[in-house]
Amino acid sequence: MEAAPAEEAADATAPAPETEEKAEAPATADNEAGKALYAKCASCHGADGKTKALGKSEVLAGQSAADLETKIAEYKAGTRNVAGMGALMKGQVATMSDEDIKAVSAYIATF
């Protein structure tokens, strides 16, 4: 009789992989959106985010999504000006929505 609960437990864990696959789908969609948004960034920051834009900026690769999101939002608000790049960056991100900023930040964080 003790075998029955173990079999039920095994059956209960079987659906978990399907749940994980479903959870990954939105992340993939966000990365595609982020990748598309990053296209205009790549000319200065490099396709892999390892280029110092105009020889002045910090390298984007290796930064967390949360840090990138904060920094991009600050550029958009006009409150960030690292190495005199504030005005240029403000113009670059001015049309980005909060969702766009999250998506591009998540994409860059994969570098």
PDB file of N, CA and C in Angstrom:
ATOM      1  N   MET A   1       0.816  -1.198   0.000  1.00  0.00           N
ATOM      2  CA  MET A   1       0.000   0.000   0.000  1.00  0.00           C
ATOM      3  C   MET A   1       0.857   1.259   0.000  1.00  0.00           C
ATOM      4  N   GLU A   2       2.053   1.174   0.509  1.00  0.00           N
ATOM      5  CA  GLU A   2       2.909   2.355   0.529  1.00  0.00           C
ATOM      6  C   GLU A   2       3.379   2.731  -0.876  1.00  0.00           C
ATOM      7  N   ALA A   3       3.394   1.792  -1.815  1.00  0.00           N
ATOM      8  CA  ALA A   3       3.849   2.075  -3.173  1.00  0.00           C
ATOM      9  C   ALA A   3       2.897   3.028  -3.889  1.00  0.00           C
ATOM     10  N   ALA A   4       1.623   2.962  -3.565  1.00  0.00           N
ATOM     11  CA  ALA A   4       0.653   3.815  -4.236  1.00  0.00           C
ATOM     12  C   ALA A   4       0.952   5.298  -4.041  1.00  0.00           C
ATOM     13  N   PRO A   5       1.235   5.779  -2.817  1.00  0.00           N
ATOM     14  CA  PRO A   5       1.554   7.203  -2.680  1.00  0.00           C
ATOM     15  C   PRO A   5       2.808   7.603  -3.460  1.00  0.00           C
ATOM     16  N   ALA A   6       3.808   6.728  -3.538  1.00  0.00           N
ATOM     17  CA  ALA A   6       5.018   7.049  -4.289  1.00  0.00           C
ATOM     18  C   ALA A   6       4.688   7.191  -5.765  1.00  0.00           C
ATOM     19  N   GLU A   7       3.820   6.305  -6.279  1.00  0.00           N
ATOM     20  CA  GLU A   7       3.432   6.414  -7.684  1.00  0.00           C
ATOM     21  C   GLU A   7       2.665   7.705  -7.923  1.00  0.00           C
ATOM     22  N   GLU A   8       1.795   8.079  -6.980  1.00  0.00           N
ATOM     23  CA  GLU A   8       1.049   9.327  -7.120  1.00  0.00           C
ATOM     24  C   GLU A   8       1.999  10.513  -7.111  1.00  0.00           C
ATOM     25  N   ALA A   9       3.021  10.458  -6.263  1.00  0.00           N
ATOM     26  CA  ALA A   9       3.992  11.551  -6.199  1.00  0.00           C
ATOM     27  C   ALA A   9       4.740  11.666  -7.516  1.00  0.00           C
ATOM     28  N   ALA A  10       5.094  10.530  -8.099  1.00  0.00           N
ATOM     29  CA  ALA A  10       5.797  10.555  -9.374  1.00  0.00           C
ATOM     30  C   ALA A  10       4.903  11.142 -10.451  1.00  0.00           C
ATOM     31  N   ASP A  11       3.631  10.783 -10.447  1.00  0.00           N
ATOM     32  CA  ASP A  11       2.697  11.312 -11.420  1.00  0.00           C
ATOM     33  C   ASP A  11       2.496  12.817 -11.219  1.00  0.00           C
ATOM     34  N   ALA A  12       2.522  13.248  -9.980  1.00  0.00           N
ATOM     35  CA  ALA A  12       2.319  14.666  -9.683  1.00  0.00           C
ATOM     36  C   ALA A  12       3.476  15.518 -10.189  1.00  0.00           C
ATOM     37  N   THR A  13       4.666  14.952 -10.267  1.00  0.00           N
ATOM     38  CA  THR A  13       5.809  15.732 -10.751  1.00  0.00           C
ATOM     39  C   THR A  13       5.912  15.708 -12.264  1.00  0.00           C
ATOM     40  N   ALA A  14       5.232  14.815 -12.932  1.00  0.00           N
ATOM     41  CA  ALA A  14       5.330  14.712 -14.385  1.00  0.00           C
ATOM     42  C   ALA A  14       4.939  15.998 -15.110  1.00  0.00           C
ATOM     43  N   PRO A  15       3.891  16.725 -14.720  1.00  0.00           N
ATOM     44  CA  PRO A  15       3.523  17.933 -15.462  1.00  0.00           C
ATOM     45  C   PRO A  15       4.497  19.090 -15.317  1.00  0.00           C
ATOM     46  N   ALA A  16       5.399  19.055 -14.377  1.00  0.00           N
ATOM     47  CA  ALA A  16       6.303  20.180 -14.133  1.00  0.00           C
ATOM     48  C   ALA A  16       7.082  20.614 -15.365  1.00  0.00           C
ATOM     49  N   PRO A  17       7.675  19.700 -16.162  1.00  0.00           N
ATOM     50  CA  PRO A  17       8.408  20.169 -17.341  1.00  0.00           C
ATOM     51  C   PRO A  17       7.540  20.958 -18.309  1.00  0.00           C
ATOM     52  N   GLU A  18       6.275  20.576 -18.476  1.00  0.00           N
ATOM     53  CA  GLU A  18       5.400  21.322 -19.365  1.00  0.00           C
ATOM     54  C   GLU A  18       5.212  22.740 -18.849  1.00  0.00           C
ATOM     55  N   THR A  19       5.072  22.878 -17.538  1.00  0.00           N
ATOM     56  CA  THR A  19       4.906  24.185 -16.923  1.00  0.00           C
ATOM     57  C   THR A  19       6.146  25.034 -17.169  1.00  0.00           C
ATOM     58  N   GLU A  20       7.324  24.431 -17.029  1.00  0.00           N
ATOM     59  CA  GLU A  20       8.558  25.175 -17.258  1.00  0.00           C
ATOM     60  C   GLU A  20       8.652  25.641 -18.699  1.00  0.00           C
ATOM     61  N   GLU A  21       8.250  24.784 -19.656  1.00  0.00           N
ATOM     62  CA  GLU A  21       8.307  25.171 -21.058  1.00  0.00           C
ATOM     63  C   GLU A  21       7.390  26.359 -21.320  1.00  0.00           C
ATOM     64  N   LYS A  22       6.200  26.345 -20.731  1.00  0.00           N
ATOM     65  CA  LYS A  22       5.272  27.446 -20.917  1.00  0.00           C
ATOM     66  C   LYS A  22       5.825  28.723 -20.313  1.00  0.00           C
ATOM     67  N   ALA A  23       6.510  28.605 -19.184  1.00  0.00           N
ATOM     68  CA  ALA A  23       7.076  29.783 -18.537  1.00  0.00           C
ATOM     69  C   ALA A  23       8.193  30.388 -19.376  1.00  0.00           C
ATOM     70  N   GLU A  24       8.903  29.577 -20.152  1.00  0.00           N
ATOM     71  CA  GLU A  24      10.004  30.079 -20.963  1.00  0.00           C
ATOM     72  C   GLU A  24       9.524  30.813 -22.207  1.00  0.00           C
ATOM     73  N   ALA A  25       8.340  30.513 -22.689  1.00  0.00           N
ATOM     74  CA  ALA A  25       7.845  31.120 -23.918  1.00  0.00           C
ATOM     75  C   ALA A  25       7.809  32.650 -23.846  1.00  0.00           C
ATOM     76  N   PRO A  26       7.242  33.261 -22.784  1.00  0.00           N
ATOM     77  CA  PRO A  26       7.251  34.724 -22.737  1.00  0.00           C
ATOM     78  C   PRO A  26       8.659  35.300 -22.697  1.00  0.00           C
ATOM     79  N   ALA A  27       9.575  34.643 -22.007  1.00  0.00           N
ATOM     80  CA  ALA A  27      10.948  35.137 -21.939  1.00  0.00           C
ATOM     81  C   ALA A  27      11.571  35.158 -23.328  1.00  0.00           C
ATOM     82  N   THR A  28      11.300  34.132 -24.120  1.00  0.00           N
ATOM     83  CA  THR A  28      11.825  34.076 -25.484  1.00  0.00           C
ATOM     84  C   THR A  28      11.249  35.219 -26.301  1.00  0.00           C
ATOM     85  N   ALA A  29       9.960  35.479 -26.168  1.00  0.00           N
ATOM     86  CA  ALA A  29       9.338  36.576 -26.900  1.00  0.00           C
ATOM     87  C   ALA A  29       9.962  37.906 -26.487  1.00  0.00           C
ATOM     88  N   ASP A  30      10.209  38.087 -25.188  1.00  0.00           N
ATOM     89  CA  ASP A  30      10.844  39.311 -24.719  1.00  0.00           C
ATOM     90  C   ASP A  30      12.243  39.458 -25.299  1.00  0.00           C
ATOM     91  N   ASN A  31      12.977  38.346 -25.377  1.00  0.00           N
ATOM     92  CA  ASN A  31      14.323  38.418 -25.931  1.00  0.00           C
ATOM     93  C   ASN A  31      14.284  38.790 -27.409  1.00  0.00           C
ATOM     94  N   GLU A  32      13.272  38.315 -28.139  1.00  0.00           N
ATOM     95  CA  GLU A  32      13.156  38.688 -29.552  1.00  0.00           C
ATOM     96  C   GLU A  32      12.859  40.182 -29.675  1.00  0.00           C
ATOM     97  N   ALA A  33      11.979  40.683 -28.822  1.00  0.00           N
ATOM     98  CA  ALA A  33      11.679  42.113 -28.835  1.00  0.00           C
ATOM     99  C   ALA A  33      12.922  42.905 -28.438  1.00  0.00           C
ATOM    100  N   GLY A  34      13.617  42.432 -27.411  1.00  0.00           N
ATOM    101  CA  GLY A  34      14.833  43.095 -26.959  1.00  0.00           C
ATOM    102  C   GLY A  34      15.911  43.090 -28.021  1.00  0.00           C
ATOM    103  N   LYS A  35      16.021  41.981 -28.721  1.00  0.00           N
ATOM    104  CA  LYS A  35      17.008  41.864 -29.795  1.00  0.00           C
ATOM    105  C   LYS A  35      16.713  42.882 -30.899  1.00  0.00           C
ATOM    106  N   ALA A  36      15.443  43.006 -31.259  1.00  0.00           N
ATOM    107  CA  ALA A  36      15.056  43.970 -32.291  1.00  0.00           C
ATOM    108  C   ALA A  36      15.341  45.400 -31.828  1.00  0.00           C
ATOM    109  N   LEU A  37      15.044  45.687 -30.572  1.00  0.00           N
ATOM    110  CA  LEU A  37      15.295  47.026 -30.034  1.00  0.00           C
ATOM    111  C   LEU A  37      16.785  47.328 -29.959  1.00  0.00           C
ATOM    112  N   TYR A  38      17.585  46.307 -29.671  1.00  0.00           N
ATOM    113  CA  TYR A  38      19.025  46.507 -29.524  1.00  0.00           C
ATOM    114  C   TYR A  38      19.714  46.818 -30.857  1.00  0.00           C
ATOM    115  N   ALA A  39      19.055  46.556 -31.951  1.00  0.00           N
ATOM    116  CA  ALA A  39      19.677  46.759 -33.270  1.00  0.00           C
ATOM    117  C   ALA A  39      20.263  48.165 -33.424  1.00  0.00           C
ATOM    118  N   LYS A  40      19.544  49.180 -32.948  1.00  0.00           N
ATOM    119  CA  LYS A  40      20.077  50.543 -33.093  1.00  0.00           C
ATOM    120  C   LYS A  40      21.181  50.833 -32.085  1.00  0.00           C
ATOM    121  N   CYS A  41      21.264  50.063 -31.020  1.00  0.00           N
ATOM    122  CA  CYS A  41      22.311  50.237 -30.011  1.00  0.00           C
ATOM    123  C   CYS A  41      23.636  49.633 -30.484  1.00  0.00           C
ATOM    124  N   ALA A  42      23.518  48.578 -31.287  1.00  0.00           N
ATOM    125  CA  ALA A  42      24.687  47.800 -31.697  1.00  0.00           C
ATOM    126  C   ALA A  42      25.704  48.624 -32.487  1.00  0.00           C
ATOM    127  N   SER A  43      25.255  49.651 -33.188  1.00  0.00           N
ATOM    128  CA  SER A  43      26.202  50.434 -33.982  1.00  0.00           C
ATOM    129  C   SER A  43      27.250  51.125 -33.100  1.00  0.00           C
ATOM    130  N   CYS A  44      26.892  51.457 -31.879  1.00  0.00           N
ATOM    131  CA  CYS A  44      27.851  52.078 -30.962  1.00  0.00           C
ATOM    132  C   CYS A  44      28.384  51.095 -29.919  1.00  0.00           C
ATOM    133  N   HIS A  45      27.512  50.236 -29.396  1.00  0.00           N
ATOM    134  CA  HIS A  45      27.891  49.333 -28.307  1.00  0.00           C
ATOM    135  C   HIS A  45      28.384  47.970 -28.783  1.00  0.00           C
ATOM    136  N   GLY A  46      28.291  47.711 -30.091  1.00  0.00           N
ATOM    137  CA  GLY A  46      28.733  46.438 -30.648  1.00  0.00           C
ATOM    138  C   GLY A  46      27.640  45.381 -30.559  1.00  0.00           C
ATOM    139  N   ALA A  47      27.682  44.427 -31.472  1.00  0.00           N
ATOM    140  CA  ALA A  47      26.671  43.371 -31.523  1.00  0.00           C
ATOM    141  C   ALA A  47      26.640  42.553 -30.240  1.00  0.00           C
ATOM    142  N   ASP A  48      27.778  42.488 -29.547  1.00  0.00           N
ATOM    143  CA  ASP A  48      27.870  41.690 -28.320  1.00  0.00           C
ATOM    144  C   ASP A  48      27.918  42.555 -27.060  1.00  0.00           C
ATOM    145  N   GLY A  49      27.732  43.866 -27.201  1.00  0.00           N
ATOM    146  CA  GLY A  49      27.725  44.771 -26.058  1.00  0.00           C
ATOM    147  C   GLY A  49      29.078  44.956 -25.393  1.00  0.00           C
ATOM    148  N   LYS A  50      30.150  44.610 -26.093  1.00  0.00           N
ATOM    149  CA  LYS A  50      31.482  44.683 -25.496  1.00  0.00           C
ATOM    150  C   LYS A  50      32.304  45.869 -25.990  1.00  0.00           C
ATOM    151  N   THR A  51      31.667  46.762 -26.741  1.00  0.00           N
ATOM    152  CA  THR A  51      32.360  47.931 -27.268  1.00  0.00           C
ATOM    153  C   THR A  51      32.015  49.151 -26.422  1.00  0.00           C
ATOM    154  N   LYS A  52      33.027  49.933 -26.082  1.00  0.00           N
ATOM    155  CA  LYS A  52      32.791  51.203 -25.386  1.00  0.00           C
ATOM    156  C   LYS A  52      32.301  52.190 -26.440  1.00  0.00           C
ATOM    157  N   ALA A  53      31.047  52.590 -26.339  1.00  0.00           N
ATOM    158  CA  ALA A  53      30.465  53.496 -27.327  1.00  0.00           C
ATOM    159  C   ALA A  53      31.267  54.789 -27.402  1.00  0.00           C
ATOM    160  N   LEU A  54      31.672  55.129 -28.614  1.00  0.00           N
ATOM    161  CA  LEU A  54      32.475  56.323 -28.878  1.00  0.00           C
ATOM    162  C   LEU A  54      33.713  56.384 -27.995  1.00  0.00           C
ATOM    163  N   GLY A  55      34.161  55.221 -27.534  1.00  0.00           N
ATOM    164  CA  GLY A  55      35.338  55.134 -26.680  1.00  0.00           C
ATOM    165  C   GLY A  55      35.124  55.679 -25.285  1.00  0.00           C
ATOM    166  N   LYS A  56      33.869  55.973 -24.913  1.00  0.00           N
ATOM    167  CA  LYS A  56      33.588  56.624 -23.641  1.00  0.00           C
ATOM    168  C   LYS A  56      32.761  55.792 -22.668  1.00  0.00           C
ATOM    169  N   SER A  57      31.806  55.059 -23.171  1.00  0.00           N
ATOM    170  CA  SER A  57      30.850  54.394 -22.277  1.00  0.00           C
ATOM    171  C   SER A  57      31.435  53.155 -21.625  1.00  0.00           C
ATOM    172  N   GLU A  58      30.722  52.683 -20.603  1.00  0.00           N
ATOM    173  CA  GLU A  58      31.099  51.409 -20.004  1.00  0.00           C
ATOM    174  C   GLU A  58      30.602  50.288 -20.921  1.00  0.00           C
ATOM    175  N   VAL A  59      31.230  49.135 -20.820  1.00  0.00           N
ATOM    176  CA  VAL A  59      30.819  47.967 -21.589  1.00  0.00           C
ATOM    177  C   VAL A  59      29.486  47.472 -21.032  1.00  0.00           C
ATOM    178  N   LEU A  60      28.546  47.177 -21.926  1.00  0.00           N
ATOM    179  CA  LEU A  60      27.226  46.723 -21.496  1.00  0.00           C
ATOM    180  C   LEU A  60      27.220  45.254 -21.088  1.00  0.00           C
ATOM    181  N   ALA A  61      27.994  44.441 -21.789  1.00  0.00           N
ATOM    182  CA  ALA A  61      28.030  43.005 -21.522  1.00  0.00           C
ATOM    183  C   ALA A  61      28.423  42.750 -20.071  1.00  0.00           C
ATOM    184  N   GLY A  62      27.718  41.823 -19.450  1.00  0.00           N
ATOM    185  CA  GLY A  62      28.027  41.452 -18.079  1.00  0.00           C
ATOM    186  C   GLY A  62      27.217  42.182 -17.031  1.00  0.00           C
ATOM    187  N   GLN A  63      26.423  43.170 -17.438  1.00  0.00           N
ATOM    188  CA  GLN A  63      25.593  43.904 -16.491  1.00  0.00           C
ATOM    189  C   GLN A  63      24.246  43.201 -16.316  1.00  0.00           C
ATOM    190  N   SER A  64      23.665  43.359 -15.152  1.00  0.00           N
ATOM    191  CA  SER A  64      22.374  42.719 -14.888  1.00  0.00           C
ATOM    192  C   SER A  64      21.253  43.493 -15.580  1.00  0.00           C
ATOM    193  N   ALA A  65      20.167  42.793 -15.839  1.00  0.00           N
ATOM    194  CA  ALA A  65      18.997  43.425 -16.457  1.00  0.00           C
ATOM    195  C   ALA A  65      18.478  44.562 -15.590  1.00  0.00           C
ATOM    196  N   ALA A  66      18.459  44.356 -14.275  1.00  0.00           N
ATOM    197  CA  ALA A  66      17.952  45.389 -13.364  1.00  0.00           C
ATOM    198  C   ALA A  66      18.801  46.657 -13.439  1.00  0.00           C
ATOM    199  N   ASP A  67      20.120  46.508 -13.452  1.00  0.00           N
ATOM    200  CA  ASP A  67      21.002  47.675 -13.541  1.00  0.00           C
ATOM    201  C   ASP A  67      20.834  48.392 -14.876  1.00  0.00           C
ATOM    202  N   LEU A  68      20.767  47.608 -15.945  1.00  0.00           N
ATOM    203  CA  LEU A  68      20.599  48.202 -17.267  1.00  0.00           C
ATOM    204  C   LEU A  68      19.275  48.935 -17.377  1.00  0.00           C
ATOM    205  N   GLU A  69      18.222  48.326 -16.834  1.00  0.00           N
ATOM    206  CA  GLU A  69      16.901  48.957 -16.876  1.00  0.00           C
ATOM    207  C   GLU A  69      16.925  50.302 -16.154  1.00  0.00           C
ATOM    208  N   THR A  70      17.556  50.329 -14.994  1.00  0.00           N
ATOM    209  CA  THR A  70      17.659  51.575 -14.232  1.00  0.00           C
ATOM    210  C   THR A  70      18.435  52.626 -15.020  1.00  0.00           C
ATOM    211  N   LYS A  71      19.563  52.231 -15.574  1.00  0.00           N
ATOM    212  CA  LYS A  71      20.403  53.181 -16.306  1.00  0.00           C
ATOM    213  C   LYS A  71      19.700  53.729 -17.542  1.00  0.00           C
ATOM    214  N   ILE A  72      19.041  52.853 -18.293  1.00  0.00           N
ATOM    215  CA  ILE A  72      18.339  53.302 -19.504  1.00  0.00           C
ATOM    216  C   ILE A  72      17.198  54.248 -19.121  1.00  0.00           C
ATOM    217  N   ALA A  73      16.468  53.913 -18.065  1.00  0.00           N
ATOM    218  CA  ALA A  73      15.373  54.775 -17.598  1.00  0.00           C
ATOM    219  C   ALA A  73      15.915  56.142 -17.165  1.00  0.00           C
ATOM    220  N   GLU A  74      17.080  56.152 -16.538  1.00  0.00           N
ATOM    221  CA  GLU A  74      17.693  57.417 -16.130  1.00  0.00           C
ATOM    222  C   GLU A  74      18.103  58.245 -17.346  1.00  0.00           C
ATOM    223  N   TYR A  75      18.646  57.590 -18.371  1.00  0.00           N
ATOM    224  CA  TYR A  75      18.975  58.324 -19.601  1.00  0.00           C
ATOM    225  C   TYR A  75      17.706  58.913 -20.208  1.00  0.00           C
ATOM    226  N   LYS A  76      16.639  58.118 -20.243  1.00  0.00           N
ATOM    227  CA  LYS A  76      15.379  58.593 -20.814  1.00  0.00           C
ATOM    228  C   LYS A  76      14.852  59.801 -20.046  1.00  0.00           C
ATOM    229  N   ALA A  77      14.966  59.764 -18.729  1.00  0.00           N
ATOM    230  CA  ALA A  77      14.494  60.871 -17.889  1.00  0.00           C
ATOM    231  C   ALA A  77      15.427  62.076 -17.938  1.00  0.00           C
ATOM    232  N   GLY A  78      16.626  61.898 -18.469  1.00  0.00           N
ATOM    233  CA  GLY A  78      17.590  62.995 -18.533  1.00  0.00           C
ATOM    234  C   GLY A  78      18.353  63.190 -17.245  1.00  0.00           C
ATOM    235  N   THR A  79      18.333  62.198 -16.365  1.00  0.00           N
ATOM    236  CA  THR A  79      19.012  62.321 -15.077  1.00  0.00           C
ATOM    237  C   THR A  79      20.360  61.605 -15.043  1.00  0.00           C
ATOM    238  N   ARG A  80      20.743  60.982 -16.125  1.00  0.00           N
ATOM    239  CA  ARG A  80      22.030  60.274 -16.189  1.00  0.00           C
ATOM    240  C   ARG A  80      22.872  60.901 -17.290  1.00  0.00           C
ATOM    241  N   ASN A  81      24.139  61.168 -16.979  1.00  0.00           N
ATOM    242  CA  ASN A  81      25.047  61.753 -17.955  1.00  0.00           C
ATOM    243  C   ASN A  81      26.454  61.243 -17.680  1.00  0.00           C
ATOM    244  N   VAL A  82      26.744  60.057 -18.151  1.00  0.00           N
ATOM    245  CA  VAL A  82      28.060  59.464 -17.954  1.00  0.00           C
ATOM    246  C   VAL A  82      28.941  59.834 -19.141  1.00  0.00           C
ATOM    247  N   ALA A  83      30.093  60.377 -18.860  1.00  0.00           N
ATOM    248  CA  ALA A  83      31.078  60.762 -19.870  1.00  0.00           C
ATOM    249  C   ALA A  83      30.495  61.700 -20.919  1.00  0.00           C
ATOM    250  N   GLY A  84      29.553  62.554 -20.508  1.00  0.00           N
ATOM    251  CA  GLY A  84      28.967  63.517 -21.430  1.00  0.00           C
ATOM    252  C   GLY A  84      28.026  62.922 -22.458  1.00  0.00           C
ATOM    253  N   MET A  85      27.574  61.694 -22.224  1.00  0.00           N
ATOM    254  CA  MET A  85      26.730  61.001 -23.198  1.00  0.00           C
ATOM    255  C   MET A  85      25.234  61.106 -22.895  1.00  0.00           C
ATOM    256  N   GLY A  86      24.878  61.864 -21.873  1.00  0.00           N
ATOM    257  CA  GLY A  86      23.482  61.948 -21.457  1.00  0.00           C
ATOM    258  C   GLY A  86      22.532  62.415 -22.541  1.00  0.00           C
ATOM    259  N   ALA A  87      22.847  63.493 -23.208  1.00  0.00           N
ATOM    260  CA  ALA A  87      21.960  64.040 -24.236  1.00  0.00           C
ATOM    261  C   ALA A  87      21.829  63.080 -25.416  1.00  0.00           C
ATOM    262  N   LEU A  88      22.944  62.506 -25.832  1.00  0.00           N
ATOM    263  CA  LEU A  88      22.912  61.553 -26.939  1.00  0.00           C
ATOM    264  C   LEU A  88      22.046  60.343 -26.580  1.00  0.00           C
ATOM    265  N   MET A  89      22.280  59.782 -25.399  1.00  0.00           N
ATOM    266  CA  MET A  89      21.520  58.610 -24.971  1.00  0.00           C
ATOM    267  C   MET A  89      20.052  58.940 -24.748  1.00  0.00           C
ATOM    268  N   LYS A  90      19.760  60.116 -24.243  1.00  0.00           N
ATOM    269  CA  LYS A  90      18.369  60.512 -24.044  1.00  0.00           C
ATOM    270  C   LYS A  90      17.631  60.479 -25.380  1.00  0.00           C
ATOM    271  N   GLY A  91      18.266  60.975 -26.401  1.00  0.00           N
ATOM    272  CA  GLY A  91      17.667  60.941 -27.739  1.00  0.00           C
ATOM    273  C   GLY A  91      17.482  59.528 -28.261  1.00  0.00           C
ATOM    274  N   GLN A  92      18.423  58.652 -27.962  1.00  0.00           N
ATOM    275  CA  GLN A  92      18.355  57.273 -28.438  1.00  0.00           C
ATOM    276  C   GLN A  92      17.230  56.486 -27.794  1.00  0.00           C
ATOM    277  N   VAL A  93      16.948  56.757 -26.529  1.00  0.00           N
ATOM    278  CA  VAL A  93      15.952  55.959 -25.796  1.00  0.00           C
ATOM    279  C   VAL A  93      14.629  56.695 -25.584  1.00  0.00           C
ATOM    280  N   ALA A  94      14.500  57.907 -26.112  1.00  0.00           N
ATOM    281  CA  ALA A  94      13.318  58.738 -25.873  1.00  0.00           C
ATOM    282  C   ALA A  94      12.011  58.061 -26.252  1.00  0.00           C
ATOM    283  N   THR A  95      12.006  57.283 -27.301  1.00  0.00           N
ATOM    284  CA  THR A  95      10.762  56.658 -27.761  1.00  0.00           C
ATOM    285  C   THR A  95      10.506  55.290 -27.139  1.00  0.00           C
ATOM    286  N   MET A  96      11.408  54.822 -26.298  1.00  0.00           N
ATOM    287  CA  MET A  96      11.228  53.498 -25.683  1.00  0.00           C
ATOM    288  C   MET A  96      10.188  53.560 -24.566  1.00  0.00           C
ATOM    289  N   SER A  97       9.274  52.599 -24.597  1.00  0.00           N
ATOM    290  CA  SER A  97       8.307  52.464 -23.503  1.00  0.00           C
ATOM    291  C   SER A  97       8.977  51.733 -22.351  1.00  0.00           C
ATOM    292  N   ASP A  98       8.319  51.681 -21.212  1.00  0.00           N
ATOM    293  CA  ASP A  98       8.854  50.928 -20.078  1.00  0.00           C
ATOM    294  C   ASP A  98       9.039  49.461 -20.458  1.00  0.00           C
ATOM    295  N   GLU A  99       8.103  48.918 -21.242  1.00  0.00           N
ATOM    296  CA  GLU A  99       8.198  47.526 -21.681  1.00  0.00           C
ATOM    297  C   GLU A  99       9.395  47.335 -22.615  1.00  0.00           C
ATOM    298  N   ASP A 100       9.635  48.322 -23.482  1.00  0.00           N
ATOM    299  CA  ASP A 100      10.791  48.260 -24.379  1.00  0.00           C
ATOM    300  C   ASP A 100      12.082  48.256 -23.568  1.00  0.00           C
ATOM    301  N   ILE A 101      12.150  49.090 -22.561  1.00  0.00           N
ATOM    302  CA  ILE A 101      13.349  49.181 -21.725  1.00  0.00           C
ATOM    303  C   ILE A 101      13.586  47.859 -21.012  1.00  0.00           C
ATOM    304  N   LYS A 102      12.525  47.251 -20.497  1.00  0.00           N
ATOM    305  CA  LYS A 102      12.658  45.946 -19.837  1.00  0.00           C
ATOM    306  C   LYS A 102      13.148  44.899 -20.829  1.00  0.00           C
ATOM    307  N   ALA A 103      12.579  44.883 -22.015  1.00  0.00           N
ATOM    308  CA  ALA A 103      12.939  43.884 -23.020  1.00  0.00           C
ATOM    309  C   ALA A 103      14.385  44.039 -23.480  1.00  0.00           C
ATOM    310  N   VAL A 104      14.805  45.253 -23.781  1.00  0.00           N
ATOM    311  CA  VAL A 104      16.177  45.447 -24.248  1.00  0.00           C
ATOM    312  C   VAL A 104      17.175  45.187 -23.131  1.00  0.00           C
ATOM    313  N   SER A 105      16.812  45.535 -21.901  1.00  0.00           N
ATOM    314  CA  SER A 105      17.689  45.274 -20.759  1.00  0.00           C
ATOM    315  C   SER A 105      17.862  43.778 -20.545  1.00  0.00           C
ATOM    316  N   ALA A 106      16.766  43.035 -20.652  1.00  0.00           N
ATOM    317  CA  ALA A 106      16.831  41.578 -20.499  1.00  0.00           C
ATOM    318  C   ALA A 106      17.679  40.968 -21.606  1.00  0.00           C
ATOM    319  N   TYR A 107      17.561  41.491 -22.804  1.00  0.00           N
ATOM    320  CA  TYR A 107      18.357  40.979 -23.934  1.00  0.00           C
ATOM    321  C   TYR A 107      19.840  41.267 -23.715  1.00  0.00           C
ATOM    322  N   ILE A 108      20.178  42.484 -23.364  1.00  0.00           N
ATOM    323  CA  ILE A 108      21.582  42.853 -23.160  1.00  0.00           C
ATOM    324  C   ILE A 108      22.186  42.027 -22.033  1.00  0.00           C
ATOM    325  N   ALA A 109      21.409  41.719 -21.015  1.00  0.00           N
ATOM    326  CA  ALA A 109      21.902  40.933 -19.873  1.00  0.00           C
ATOM    327  C   ALA A 109      22.298  39.518 -20.269  1.00  0.00           C
ATOM    328  N   THR A 110      21.919  39.077 -21.464  1.00  0.00           N
ATOM    329  CA  THR A 110      22.307  37.738 -21.916  1.00  0.00           C
ATOM    330  C   THR A 110      23.711  37.735 -22.522  1.00  0.00           C
ATOM    331  N   PHE A 111      24.316  38.899 -22.707  1.00  0.00           N
ATOM    332  CA  PHE A 111      25.658  38.977 -23.308  1.00  0.00           C
ATOM    333  C   PHE A 111      26.696  38.507 -22.330  1.00  0.00           C
TER     334      PHE A 111
END
